């Protein structure tokens, strides 16, 4: 994934099978199309912020989403009860990665140090 289509050809030339321009495409719909409606089984997100909701929606049942960065410093909304479409898939695991200098996991889950299991 990339923010705009400007880097699309560069990424394809570098070996990417598919490229999703997040600012130009419906990410969950495109992921579903690429996965025959199943959603992504593993998602790595270095950005966080408001785009996380689209990634959660694009996740397959029992997917793993690894949040390992905070390039987008805006709050990362994750409303797990508002609607089935925007809530994490049943059994999905959100794994906030803990790396040197990264406080994002504690900001998201102040009372937890372990992965969050969405039921």
C-alpha atoms as a PDB file:
ATOM      1  CA  UNK A   1       0.000   0.000   0.000  1.00  0.00           C
ATOM      2  CA  UNK A   2       1.013   3.556  -0.630  1.00  0.00           C
ATOM      3  CA  UNK A   3      -0.756   6.832   0.005  1.00  0.00           C
ATOM      4  CA  UNK A   4      -1.153   7.888  -3.650  1.00  0.00           C
ATOM      5  CA  UNK A   5      -0.851   6.226  -7.027  1.00  0.00           C
ATOM      6  CA  UNK A   6       2.267   8.270  -7.835  1.00  0.00           C
ATOM      7  CA  UNK A   7       4.469   5.445  -6.514  1.00  0.00           C
ATOM      8  CA  UNK A   8       2.370   2.618  -7.955  1.00  0.00           C
ATOM      9  CA  UNK A   9       4.595   1.773 -10.944  1.00  0.00           C
ATOM     10  CA  UNK A  10       7.748   2.075  -8.871  1.00  0.00           C
ATOM     11  CA  UNK A  11       6.382  -0.464  -6.381  1.00  0.00           C
ATOM     12  CA  UNK A  12       5.224  -2.807  -9.143  1.00  0.00           C
ATOM     13  CA  UNK A  13       8.662  -2.580 -10.773  1.00  0.00           C
ATOM     14  CA  UNK A  14      10.216  -3.443  -7.394  1.00  0.00           C
ATOM     15  CA  UNK A  15       8.226  -6.686  -7.292  1.00  0.00           C
ATOM     16  CA  UNK A  16       4.853  -5.898  -5.715  1.00  0.00           C
ATOM     17  CA  UNK A  17       2.048  -8.091  -7.082  1.00  0.00           C
ATOM     18  CA  UNK A  18      -0.596  -5.468  -6.304  1.00  0.00           C
ATOM     19  CA  UNK A  19      -0.531  -1.871  -5.069  1.00  0.00           C
ATOM     20  CA  UNK A  20      -3.370  -0.124  -3.245  1.00  0.00           C
ATOM     21  CA  UNK A  21      -3.308   3.690  -3.157  1.00  0.00           C
ATOM     22  CA  UNK A  22      -4.994   4.355   0.178  1.00  0.00           C
ATOM     23  CA  UNK A  23      -5.949   7.974  -0.579  1.00  0.00           C
ATOM     24  CA  UNK A  24      -7.512   7.018  -3.909  1.00  0.00           C
ATOM     25  CA  UNK A  25      -9.165   3.644  -3.313  1.00  0.00           C
ATOM     26  CA  UNK A  26     -11.610   1.996  -0.941  1.00  0.00           C
ATOM     27  CA  UNK A  27      -9.045  -0.110   0.942  1.00  0.00           C
ATOM     28  CA  UNK A  28     -11.427  -2.712   2.445  1.00  0.00           C
ATOM     29  CA  UNK A  29     -13.212  -3.216  -0.898  1.00  0.00           C
ATOM     30  CA  UNK A  30      -9.941  -3.574  -2.801  1.00  0.00           C
ATOM     31  CA  UNK A  31      -8.538  -6.034  -0.239  1.00  0.00           C
ATOM     32  CA  UNK A  32     -11.729  -8.097  -0.409  1.00  0.00           C
ATOM     33  CA  UNK A  33     -11.491  -8.108  -4.225  1.00  0.00           C
ATOM     34  CA  UNK A  34      -7.866  -9.275  -4.107  1.00  0.00           C
ATOM     35  CA  UNK A  35      -8.616 -12.022  -1.565  1.00  0.00           C
ATOM     36  CA  UNK A  36     -11.814 -13.430  -3.078  1.00  0.00           C
ATOM     37  CA  UNK A  37     -13.853 -11.784  -0.319  1.00  0.00           C
ATOM     38  CA  UNK A  38     -11.850 -13.303   2.539  1.00  0.00           C
ATOM     39  CA  UNK A  39      -9.903 -10.231   3.703  1.00  0.00           C
ATOM     40  CA  UNK A  40      -6.235 -10.013   4.643  1.00  0.00           C
ATOM     41  CA  UNK A  41      -4.897 -12.663   7.041  1.00  0.00           C
ATOM     42  CA  UNK A  42      -1.866 -10.620   8.158  1.00  0.00           C
ATOM     43  CA  UNK A  43      -1.595  -6.837   8.143  1.00  0.00           C
ATOM     44  CA  UNK A  44       1.462  -4.792   9.133  1.00  0.00           C
ATOM     45  CA  UNK A  45       0.734  -1.106   9.799  1.00  0.00           C
ATOM     46  CA  UNK A  46       3.527   1.426  10.376  1.00  0.00           C
ATOM     47  CA  UNK A  47       1.114   4.374  10.256  1.00  0.00           C
ATOM     48  CA  UNK A  48      -1.722   3.995  12.777  1.00  0.00           C
ATOM     49  CA  UNK A  49      -4.015   6.993  13.008  1.00  0.00           C
ATOM     50  CA  UNK A  50      -7.371   7.133  11.319  1.00  0.00           C
ATOM     51  CA  UNK A  51      -6.397   4.660   8.554  1.00  0.00           C
ATOM     52  CA  UNK A  52      -6.348   1.816  11.085  1.00  0.00           C
ATOM     53  CA  UNK A  53     -10.145   1.500  10.881  1.00  0.00           C
ATOM     54  CA  UNK A  54      -9.936   0.642   7.154  1.00  0.00           C
ATOM     55  CA  UNK A  55      -7.281  -1.985   7.835  1.00  0.00           C
ATOM     56  CA  UNK A  56      -9.381  -3.569  10.566  1.00  0.00           C
ATOM     57  CA  UNK A  57     -12.349  -3.675   8.195  1.00  0.00           C
ATOM     58  CA  UNK A  58     -10.121  -5.270   5.531  1.00  0.00           C
ATOM     59  CA  UNK A  59      -8.999  -8.022   7.930  1.00  0.00           C
ATOM     60  CA  UNK A  60     -10.077 -11.634   7.510  1.00  0.00           C
ATOM     61  CA  UNK A  61     -11.661 -13.702  10.263  1.00  0.00           C
ATOM     62  CA  UNK A  62      -8.923 -14.496  12.814  1.00  0.00           C
ATOM     63  CA  UNK A  63      -6.481 -12.117  11.113  1.00  0.00           C
ATOM     64  CA  UNK A  64      -3.369 -10.680  12.742  1.00  0.00           C
ATOM     65  CA  UNK A  65      -2.856  -6.923  12.563  1.00  0.00           C
ATOM     66  CA  UNK A  66       0.565  -5.709  13.726  1.00  0.00           C
ATOM     67  CA  UNK A  67       0.663  -2.003  14.527  1.00  0.00           C
ATOM     68  CA  UNK A  68       4.355  -1.109  14.692  1.00  0.00           C
ATOM     69  CA  UNK A  69       4.536   2.603  14.057  1.00  0.00           C
ATOM     70  CA  UNK A  70       2.964   5.965  14.631  1.00  0.00           C
ATOM     71  CA  UNK A  71       3.678   7.889  11.453  1.00  0.00           C
ATOM     72  CA  UNK A  72       0.192   9.412  11.810  1.00  0.00           C
ATOM     73  CA  UNK A  73       0.156  11.069  15.226  1.00  0.00           C
ATOM     74  CA  UNK A  74      -3.602  11.639  15.239  1.00  0.00           C
ATOM     75  CA  UNK A  75      -5.583   9.454  17.657  1.00  0.00           C
ATOM     76  CA  UNK A  76      -6.146   5.906  16.453  1.00  0.00           C
ATOM     77  CA  UNK A  77      -9.897   5.290  16.718  1.00  0.00           C
ATOM     78  CA  UNK A  78     -10.993   1.711  17.086  1.00  0.00           C
ATOM     79  CA  UNK A  79     -14.647   1.445  18.014  1.00  0.00           C
ATOM     80  CA  UNK A  80     -15.268  -2.270  18.400  1.00  0.00           C
ATOM     81  CA  UNK A  81     -18.971  -2.004  19.167  1.00  0.00           C
ATOM     82  CA  UNK A  82     -20.384   0.582  16.747  1.00  0.00           C
ATOM     83  CA  UNK A  83     -21.127  -1.692  13.796  1.00  0.00           C
ATOM     84  CA  UNK A  84     -20.172  -5.085  12.445  1.00  0.00           C
ATOM     85  CA  UNK A  85     -18.668  -3.520   9.308  1.00  0.00           C
ATOM     86  CA  UNK A  86     -16.180  -1.328  11.187  1.00  0.00           C
ATOM     87  CA  UNK A  87     -15.514  -3.654  14.118  1.00  0.00           C
ATOM     88  CA  UNK A  88     -12.622  -6.116  14.115  1.00  0.00           C
ATOM     89  CA  UNK A  89     -13.474  -9.506  12.707  1.00  0.00           C
ATOM     90  CA  UNK A  90     -14.327 -12.082  15.353  1.00  0.00           C
ATOM     91  CA  UNK A  91     -11.174 -13.702  16.604  1.00  0.00           C
ATOM     92  CA  UNK A  92      -8.860 -11.068  15.095  1.00  0.00           C
ATOM     93  CA  UNK A  93      -5.717 -10.212  17.035  1.00  0.00           C
ATOM     94  CA  UNK A  94      -4.327  -6.690  17.248  1.00  0.00           C
ATOM     95  CA  UNK A  95      -0.641  -6.826  18.106  1.00  0.00           C
ATOM     96  CA  UNK A  96       0.780  -3.434  19.021  1.00  0.00           C
ATOM     97  CA  UNK A  97       4.516  -3.870  18.578  1.00  0.00           C
ATOM     98  CA  UNK A  98       6.831  -2.508  21.244  1.00  0.00           C
ATOM     99  CA  UNK A  99      10.061  -1.105  19.859  1.00  0.00           C
ATOM    100  CA  UNK A 100      12.683   1.255  21.197  1.00  0.00           C
ATOM    101  CA  UNK A 101      11.201   4.729  21.521  1.00  0.00           C
ATOM    102  CA  UNK A 102       7.690   3.612  20.598  1.00  0.00           C
ATOM    103  CA  UNK A 103       5.059   4.467  23.188  1.00  0.00           C
ATOM    104  CA  UNK A 104       2.098   3.803  20.901  1.00  0.00           C
ATOM    105  CA  UNK A 105       1.151   0.474  22.517  1.00  0.00           C
ATOM    106  CA  UNK A 106       0.772   2.098  25.905  1.00  0.00           C
ATOM    107  CA  UNK A 107      -1.169   4.978  24.386  1.00  0.00           C
ATOM    108  CA  UNK A 108      -3.607   2.544  22.774  1.00  0.00           C
ATOM    109  CA  UNK A 109      -3.837   0.068  25.648  1.00  0.00           C
ATOM    110  CA  UNK A 110      -2.734   1.754  28.885  1.00  0.00           C
ATOM    111  CA  UNK A 111      -3.850  -1.158  31.072  1.00  0.00           C
ATOM    112  CA  UNK A 112      -2.393  -3.960  28.915  1.00  0.00           C
ATOM    113  CA  UNK A 113       1.057  -5.086  27.943  1.00  0.00           C
ATOM    114  CA  UNK A 114      -0.064  -8.075  25.882  1.00  0.00           C
ATOM    115  CA  UNK A 115      -1.853  -8.378  22.513  1.00  0.00           C
ATOM    116  CA  UNK A 116      -5.519  -7.503  22.402  1.00  0.00           C
ATOM    117  CA  UNK A 117      -7.839 -10.325  21.340  1.00  0.00           C
ATOM    118  CA  UNK A 118     -11.049  -9.143  19.708  1.00  0.00           C
ATOM    119  CA  UNK A 119     -13.939 -11.512  20.375  1.00  0.00           C
END
